[in-house]
Amino acid sequence: MSDLVTTTARVATERPARYAKQLASHLGRKIETAFDPDTGRGQLIFPPRDGVPVGTCDMLCGDNVLVLAMEAPSENIDQAEEIVGKHLERFEETDGLVVTWVRTGEGKRG
């Protein structure tokens, strides 16, 4: 198995819980998801493919920010970032949500 890569994004928004709930609900049709509005925490779990884990993404709602913390094998991290980032950005284009991933030991990816 390849190395695990950790990547995070801090998405500025006045409604972090709304977007975390919407992301969990939308992606929940294809992957395992959870979101607790009382704690402002959630998780996206991408199922293994050919026995190889695809990744997980923890969601944490803060004051005017949705923090996404993802961990995935290096061969899957690009796809996982794109899936989560593009879906979130499409939900509310009028709010201008921007998801910029920062990987541990690597440069920024948008």
N, C-alpha and C. Protein backbone atom coordinates (compact mmCIF):
# COMPACT_ATOMS: atom_id res chain seq x y z
N MET A 1 0.85 -1.18 0.00
CA MET A 1 0.00 0.00 0.00
C MET A 1 0.89 1.24 0.00
N SER A 2 0.45 2.28 -0.65
CA SER A 2 1.23 3.51 -0.75
C SER A 2 1.10 4.35 0.51
N ASP A 3 1.87 5.42 0.56
CA ASP A 3 1.84 6.32 1.71
C ASP A 3 0.51 7.03 1.81
N LEU A 4 0.08 7.28 3.05
CA LEU A 4 -1.11 8.08 3.27
C LEU A 4 -0.73 9.55 3.21
N VAL A 5 -1.58 10.33 2.59
CA VAL A 5 -1.37 11.77 2.47
C VAL A 5 -2.47 12.46 3.26
N THR A 6 -2.10 13.48 4.02
CA THR A 6 -3.07 14.28 4.75
C THR A 6 -3.18 15.63 4.07
N THR A 7 -4.41 16.09 3.88
CA THR A 7 -4.66 17.36 3.22
C THR A 7 -5.81 18.06 3.94
N THR A 8 -5.72 19.38 4.05
CA THR A 8 -6.78 20.13 4.73
C THR A 8 -7.21 21.32 3.88
N ALA A 9 -8.44 21.74 4.12
CA ALA A 9 -8.97 22.95 3.48
C ALA A 9 -9.80 23.70 4.51
N ARG A 10 -9.65 25.00 4.53
CA ARG A 10 -10.45 25.88 5.39
C ARG A 10 -11.32 26.72 4.45
N VAL A 11 -12.62 26.40 4.43
CA VAL A 11 -13.55 27.04 3.51
C VAL A 11 -14.31 28.13 4.25
N ALA A 12 -14.07 29.38 3.87
CA ALA A 12 -14.74 30.51 4.51
C ALA A 12 -16.20 30.56 4.08
N THR A 13 -17.11 30.56 5.07
CA THR A 13 -18.54 30.64 4.80
C THR A 13 -19.27 31.05 6.08
N GLU A 14 -20.33 31.79 5.91
CA GLU A 14 -21.16 32.18 7.06
C GLU A 14 -22.06 31.03 7.50
N ARG A 15 -22.13 29.96 6.67
CA ARG A 15 -23.03 28.83 6.97
C ARG A 15 -22.30 27.48 6.87
N PRO A 16 -21.30 27.26 7.71
CA PRO A 16 -20.54 26.01 7.60
C PRO A 16 -21.38 24.76 7.85
N ALA A 17 -22.29 24.81 8.82
CA ALA A 17 -23.11 23.63 9.12
C ALA A 17 -24.03 23.28 7.96
N ARG A 18 -24.56 24.28 7.31
CA ARG A 18 -25.45 24.04 6.17
C ARG A 18 -24.70 23.29 5.07
N TYR A 19 -23.49 23.73 4.77
CA TYR A 19 -22.74 23.10 3.69
C TYR A 19 -22.21 21.72 4.08
N ALA A 20 -21.82 21.54 5.33
CA ALA A 20 -21.36 20.22 5.78
C ALA A 20 -22.52 19.22 5.70
N LYS A 21 -23.69 19.64 6.16
CA LYS A 21 -24.87 18.76 6.10
C LYS A 21 -25.22 18.44 4.65
N GLN A 22 -25.19 19.44 3.79
CA GLN A 22 -25.53 19.25 2.39
C GLN A 22 -24.52 18.32 1.70
N LEU A 23 -23.25 18.49 2.02
CA LEU A 23 -22.21 17.65 1.43
C LEU A 23 -22.39 16.20 1.87
N ALA A 24 -22.64 15.99 3.17
CA ALA A 24 -22.86 14.63 3.68
C ALA A 24 -24.10 14.00 3.06
N SER A 25 -25.16 14.77 2.95
CA SER A 25 -26.41 14.26 2.37
C SER A 25 -26.23 13.90 0.90
N HIS A 26 -25.62 14.80 0.15
CA HIS A 26 -25.44 14.58 -1.29
C HIS A 26 -24.52 13.39 -1.57
N LEU A 27 -23.37 13.36 -0.92
CA LEU A 27 -22.42 12.27 -1.17
C LEU A 27 -22.87 10.96 -0.53
N GLY A 28 -23.80 11.04 0.43
CA GLY A 28 -24.31 9.86 1.10
C GLY A 28 -25.03 8.89 0.19
N ARG A 29 -25.34 9.31 -1.00
CA ARG A 29 -25.97 8.41 -1.97
C ARG A 29 -24.97 7.40 -2.51
N LYS A 30 -23.67 7.73 -2.41
CA LYS A 30 -22.65 6.85 -3.00
C LYS A 30 -21.61 6.36 -1.99
N ILE A 31 -21.43 7.11 -0.90
CA ILE A 31 -20.42 6.73 0.10
C ILE A 31 -21.04 6.81 1.48
N GLU A 32 -20.33 6.30 2.48
CA GLU A 32 -20.78 6.40 3.86
C GLU A 32 -20.49 7.80 4.38
N THR A 33 -21.51 8.43 4.97
CA THR A 33 -21.33 9.79 5.49
C THR A 33 -22.03 9.92 6.84
N ALA A 34 -21.63 10.93 7.58
CA ALA A 34 -22.29 11.26 8.84
C ALA A 34 -22.11 12.75 9.08
N PHE A 35 -23.13 13.37 9.69
CA PHE A 35 -23.01 14.76 10.14
C PHE A 35 -23.91 14.95 11.34
N ASP A 36 -23.35 15.51 12.41
CA ASP A 36 -24.10 15.80 13.63
C ASP A 36 -24.21 17.31 13.79
N PRO A 37 -25.41 17.87 13.58
CA PRO A 37 -25.56 19.33 13.67
C PRO A 37 -25.32 19.87 15.09
N ASP A 38 -25.49 19.02 16.11
CA ASP A 38 -25.28 19.47 17.48
C ASP A 38 -23.81 19.72 17.79
N THR A 39 -22.94 18.90 17.22
CA THR A 39 -21.50 19.06 17.46
C THR A 39 -20.80 19.79 16.33
N GLY A 40 -21.47 19.89 15.16
CA GLY A 40 -20.85 20.52 14.01
C GLY A 40 -19.73 19.68 13.41
N ARG A 41 -19.83 18.36 13.59
CA ARG A 41 -18.80 17.46 13.08
C ARG A 41 -19.42 16.42 12.14
N GLY A 42 -18.63 16.02 11.17
CA GLY A 42 -19.09 14.99 10.26
C GLY A 42 -17.92 14.27 9.63
N GLN A 43 -18.25 13.23 8.86
CA GLN A 43 -17.20 12.46 8.20
C GLN A 43 -17.72 11.90 6.88
N LEU A 44 -16.84 11.85 5.91
CA LEU A 44 -17.10 11.22 4.62
C LEU A 44 -16.12 10.05 4.53
N ILE A 45 -16.65 8.86 4.23
CA ILE A 45 -15.80 7.67 4.14
C ILE A 45 -15.94 7.08 2.74
N PHE A 46 -14.87 7.18 1.97
CA PHE A 46 -14.86 6.63 0.63
C PHE A 46 -14.56 5.14 0.73
N PRO A 47 -15.40 4.28 0.14
CA PRO A 47 -15.21 2.83 0.29
C PRO A 47 -13.96 2.34 -0.42
N PRO A 48 -13.41 1.23 0.07
CA PRO A 48 -12.24 0.65 -0.59
C PRO A 48 -12.56 0.24 -2.03
N ARG A 49 -11.56 0.37 -2.86
CA ARG A 49 -11.66 -0.07 -4.26
C ARG A 49 -10.57 -1.12 -4.48
N ASP A 50 -10.97 -2.29 -4.90
CA ASP A 50 -10.03 -3.40 -5.09
C ASP A 50 -9.21 -3.65 -3.83
N GLY A 51 -9.86 -3.53 -2.68
CA GLY A 51 -9.21 -3.78 -1.41
C GLY A 51 -8.31 -2.67 -0.90
N VAL A 52 -8.21 -1.57 -1.66
CA VAL A 52 -7.36 -0.44 -1.26
C VAL A 52 -8.25 0.69 -0.74
N PRO A 53 -8.01 1.16 0.50
CA PRO A 53 -8.82 2.27 1.01
C PRO A 53 -8.67 3.50 0.14
N VAL A 54 -9.79 4.18 -0.08
CA VAL A 54 -9.77 5.38 -0.92
C VAL A 54 -9.57 6.63 -0.07
N GLY A 55 -10.12 6.66 1.14
CA GLY A 55 -9.86 7.80 2.01
C GLY A 55 -11.02 8.19 2.89
N THR A 56 -10.73 9.10 3.82
CA THR A 56 -11.74 9.66 4.71
C THR A 56 -11.57 11.18 4.74
N CYS A 57 -12.66 11.86 5.04
CA CYS A 57 -12.61 13.32 5.17
C CYS A 57 -13.43 13.71 6.39
N ASP A 58 -12.77 14.29 7.38
CA ASP A 58 -13.46 14.80 8.56
C ASP A 58 -13.88 16.24 8.29
N MET A 59 -15.10 16.58 8.74
CA MET A 59 -15.63 17.94 8.58
C MET A 59 -15.84 18.54 9.97
N LEU A 60 -15.41 19.76 10.16
CA LEU A 60 -15.58 20.46 11.42
C LEU A 60 -16.06 21.88 11.15
N CYS A 61 -17.19 22.23 11.73
CA CYS A 61 -17.76 23.57 11.55
C CYS A 61 -17.24 24.48 12.65
N GLY A 62 -16.69 25.61 12.24
CA GLY A 62 -16.21 26.62 13.17
C GLY A 62 -16.92 27.93 12.90
N ASP A 63 -16.44 29.00 13.52
CA ASP A 63 -17.01 30.32 13.29
C ASP A 63 -16.64 30.79 11.89
N ASN A 64 -17.65 30.80 11.01
CA ASN A 64 -17.48 31.26 9.63
C ASN A 64 -16.45 30.46 8.84
N VAL A 65 -16.28 29.18 9.19
CA VAL A 65 -15.34 28.33 8.45
C VAL A 65 -15.78 26.86 8.54
N LEU A 66 -15.64 26.17 7.43
CA LEU A 66 -15.81 24.72 7.38
C LEU A 66 -14.42 24.14 7.15
N VAL A 67 -13.93 23.38 8.11
CA VAL A 67 -12.61 22.77 8.01
C VAL A 67 -12.78 21.34 7.51
N LEU A 68 -12.06 21.01 6.45
CA LEU A 68 -12.06 19.67 5.87
C LEU A 68 -10.67 19.08 6.08
N ALA A 69 -10.59 17.92 6.70
CA ALA A 69 -9.31 17.25 6.92
C ALA A 69 -9.40 15.85 6.31
N MET A 70 -8.65 15.63 5.26
CA MET A 70 -8.74 14.38 4.51
C MET A 70 -7.45 13.58 4.62
N GLU A 71 -7.63 12.25 4.61
CA GLU A 71 -6.49 11.35 4.58
C GLU A 71 -6.79 10.28 3.54
N ALA A 72 -5.85 10.05 2.64
CA ALA A 72 -6.03 9.06 1.58
C ALA A 72 -4.67 8.60 1.08
N PRO A 73 -4.62 7.40 0.49
CA PRO A 73 -3.38 6.95 -0.13
C PRO A 73 -2.97 7.91 -1.24
N SER A 74 -1.67 8.03 -1.46
CA SER A 74 -1.17 9.00 -2.43
C SER A 74 -1.77 8.83 -3.82
N GLU A 75 -2.09 7.60 -4.22
CA GLU A 75 -2.65 7.40 -5.56
C GLU A 75 -4.12 7.82 -5.66
N ASN A 76 -4.77 8.06 -4.52
CA ASN A 76 -6.19 8.43 -4.53
C ASN A 76 -6.46 9.86 -4.10
N ILE A 77 -5.45 10.55 -3.58
CA ILE A 77 -5.68 11.86 -2.97
C ILE A 77 -6.18 12.90 -3.97
N ASP A 78 -5.66 12.90 -5.18
CA ASP A 78 -6.11 13.88 -6.18
C ASP A 78 -7.61 13.74 -6.44
N GLN A 79 -8.05 12.50 -6.65
CA GLN A 79 -9.46 12.25 -6.94
C GLN A 79 -10.35 12.60 -5.74
N ALA A 80 -9.92 12.23 -4.54
CA ALA A 80 -10.71 12.53 -3.35
C ALA A 80 -10.85 14.04 -3.14
N GLU A 81 -9.75 14.78 -3.31
CA GLU A 81 -9.81 16.25 -3.20
C GLU A 81 -10.78 16.83 -4.22
N GLU A 82 -10.72 16.32 -5.44
CA GLU A 82 -11.58 16.86 -6.49
C GLU A 82 -13.05 16.57 -6.21
N ILE A 83 -13.36 15.36 -5.78
CA ILE A 83 -14.75 15.01 -5.50
C ILE A 83 -15.33 15.93 -4.43
N VAL A 84 -14.65 16.04 -3.31
CA VAL A 84 -15.17 16.85 -2.20
C VAL A 84 -15.18 18.33 -2.57
N GLY A 85 -14.08 18.82 -3.11
CA GLY A 85 -13.98 20.25 -3.43
C GLY A 85 -14.97 20.71 -4.48
N LYS A 86 -15.07 19.98 -5.57
CA LYS A 86 -15.97 20.40 -6.66
C LYS A 86 -17.43 20.35 -6.24
N HIS A 87 -17.82 19.31 -5.49
CA HIS A 87 -19.21 19.24 -5.03
C HIS A 87 -19.53 20.43 -4.13
N LEU A 88 -18.65 20.71 -3.20
CA LEU A 88 -18.89 21.81 -2.28
C LEU A 88 -18.96 23.15 -3.01
N GLU A 89 -18.06 23.38 -3.93
CA GLU A 89 -18.06 24.65 -4.68
C GLU A 89 -19.31 24.80 -5.54
N ARG A 90 -19.86 23.70 -6.04
CA ARG A 90 -21.06 23.76 -6.89
C ARG A 90 -22.33 24.03 -6.10
N PHE A 91 -22.36 23.68 -4.83
CA PHE A 91 -23.59 23.83 -4.05
C PHE A 91 -24.09 25.26 -4.03
N GLU A 92 -23.20 26.18 -3.86
CA GLU A 92 -23.63 27.57 -3.73
C GLU A 92 -22.63 28.47 -4.41
N GLU A 93 -22.74 28.54 -5.70
CA GLU A 93 -21.81 29.38 -6.46
C GLU A 93 -21.98 30.86 -6.12
N THR A 94 -23.17 31.26 -5.68
CA THR A 94 -23.38 32.67 -5.36
C THR A 94 -22.61 33.09 -4.11
N ASP A 95 -22.33 32.14 -3.21
CA ASP A 95 -21.53 32.45 -2.02
C ASP A 95 -20.05 32.48 -2.34
N GLY A 96 -19.70 32.00 -3.53
CA GLY A 96 -18.29 32.01 -3.93
C GLY A 96 -17.41 31.13 -3.07
N LEU A 97 -17.91 29.96 -2.67
CA LEU A 97 -17.09 29.06 -1.87
C LEU A 97 -15.85 28.64 -2.65
N VAL A 98 -14.71 28.69 -1.97
CA VAL A 98 -13.44 28.30 -2.58
C VAL A 98 -12.80 27.25 -1.69
N VAL A 99 -12.48 26.11 -2.30
CA VAL A 99 -11.82 25.03 -1.57
C VAL A 99 -10.38 24.93 -2.07
N THR A 100 -9.44 25.23 -1.19
CA THR A 100 -8.02 25.13 -1.52
C THR A 100 -7.38 24.15 -0.54
N TRP A 101 -6.90 23.06 -1.08
CA TRP A 101 -6.30 22.01 -0.25
C TRP A 101 -4.83 22.32 0.02
N VAL A 102 -4.40 22.04 1.24
CA VAL A 102 -3.00 22.17 1.62
C VAL A 102 -2.56 20.81 2.16
N ARG A 103 -1.62 20.20 1.48
CA ARG A 103 -1.14 18.87 1.87
C ARG A 103 0.05 18.98 2.81
N THR A 104 0.11 18.03 3.72
CA THR A 104 1.25 17.97 4.62
C THR A 104 2.50 17.68 3.80
N GLY A 105 3.47 18.57 3.88
CA GLY A 105 4.72 18.38 3.16
C GLY A 105 4.66 18.68 1.68
N GLU A 106 3.53 19.21 1.21
CA GLU A 106 3.39 19.55 -0.21
C GLU A 106 2.82 20.96 -0.32
N GLY A 107 2.78 21.49 -1.53
CA GLY A 107 2.23 22.82 -1.78
C GLY A 107 0.71 22.80 -1.83
N LYS A 108 0.13 23.98 -2.02
CA LYS A 108 -1.33 24.12 -2.10
C LYS A 108 -1.86 23.53 -3.39
N ARG A 109 -3.11 23.02 -3.31
CA ARG A 109 -3.80 22.50 -4.49
C ARG A 109 -5.21 23.05 -4.46
N GLY A 110 -5.65 23.63 -5.59
CA GLY A 110 -7.00 24.20 -5.63
C GLY A 110 -7.87 23.52 -6.60
